[in-house]
Amino acid sequence: MEYSRGKLIYEGKAKRLFEVDGHPEWILQEFKDSLTAFNALKKGSFENKGALNRDITSMVFKFLEKRGIPSHRVADIGTNEMVTEKLNMLKVEVVVRNVLAGSTAKKFGIEEGTPLEKPLVEFYYKDDALADPFISDDQALMMKVCRSQSELDELKSVALKVNEGLMTFFGDAGLRLIDFKIELGRNANGTVVLADEITPDSCRLWDKKTGEKMDKDRFRRDLGNVAESYQEVAERLKQSFLKSQSQTLAQSQEIKS
């Protein structure tokens, strides 16, 4: 099927969003080569970043969908574009932490790399002008992020399911999932759906053997080899994804026989 790009709807730090001609229920996302950190106070880019992040997101979404976690992905087109379902986006970013790192470790005076006894789920109010502040459950309800505590609990449940899936997928690729951020929306049926992206921009990923950082912290902290690390993550996940597909096919054939 052909997808024709319509007019520009919105341009953010990492993506441009377009209408899809003839399909008001879809949006075309273009992944940009830009890199930003500290609420875009630090800016950079590298060639092919958008294509890498599109491919990584696509593989992650496909993997999670097989585990019963729906995403807004419809189709990949070109090298750095994805057609997605139009959602009623929730005005919140959901963060899951498995290991303390970055500003959270600093905030509590705990050594970076300290594992948590259980995953920590946090909400951040999505507003660039306010620098996406942390919000409690009561504050989330006050700001009408959700209508009830049960809906907030649903978001936490979805985030923890995503965490379980990512731990498996990244783990099979030799990557330790430290923390990640996701965005969620509701489709026309009211179902909570995974949106936006899951990439080294939105996750902290450390090499399981060496502890080397393989994510945007290389840009934040001027560690160098940013493009090489993103490329390495994409290559590893491709192998992990192909392995999972082969296992699924083998299981399917075994059931049929």
Foldseek 3Di string as FASTA:
>chain_A
DDWAWADWDDDDQFWTWTATPPCNQKIKIFGDQKDAPPLRPDIDGDPCPLLLQQLQQVLLQVLLVVVVAAAQFDDDDDRRMTMGGDFAWQQKKKKKFQFDDDPRCVVVVHDGGHGDPDIDIWIFGRDSVVPRHTDDLVVCCVVPSDVDVVVVVVVVVSVVSSVVSCCVLVVQLQKHWGMFIWIWGAHPVRDIHTYDGTALSTTFIARNPPRHTLGCVCVVVVVDPNVVSSVSSSVSSVVSSVVVVVVVVVVVVVVVD
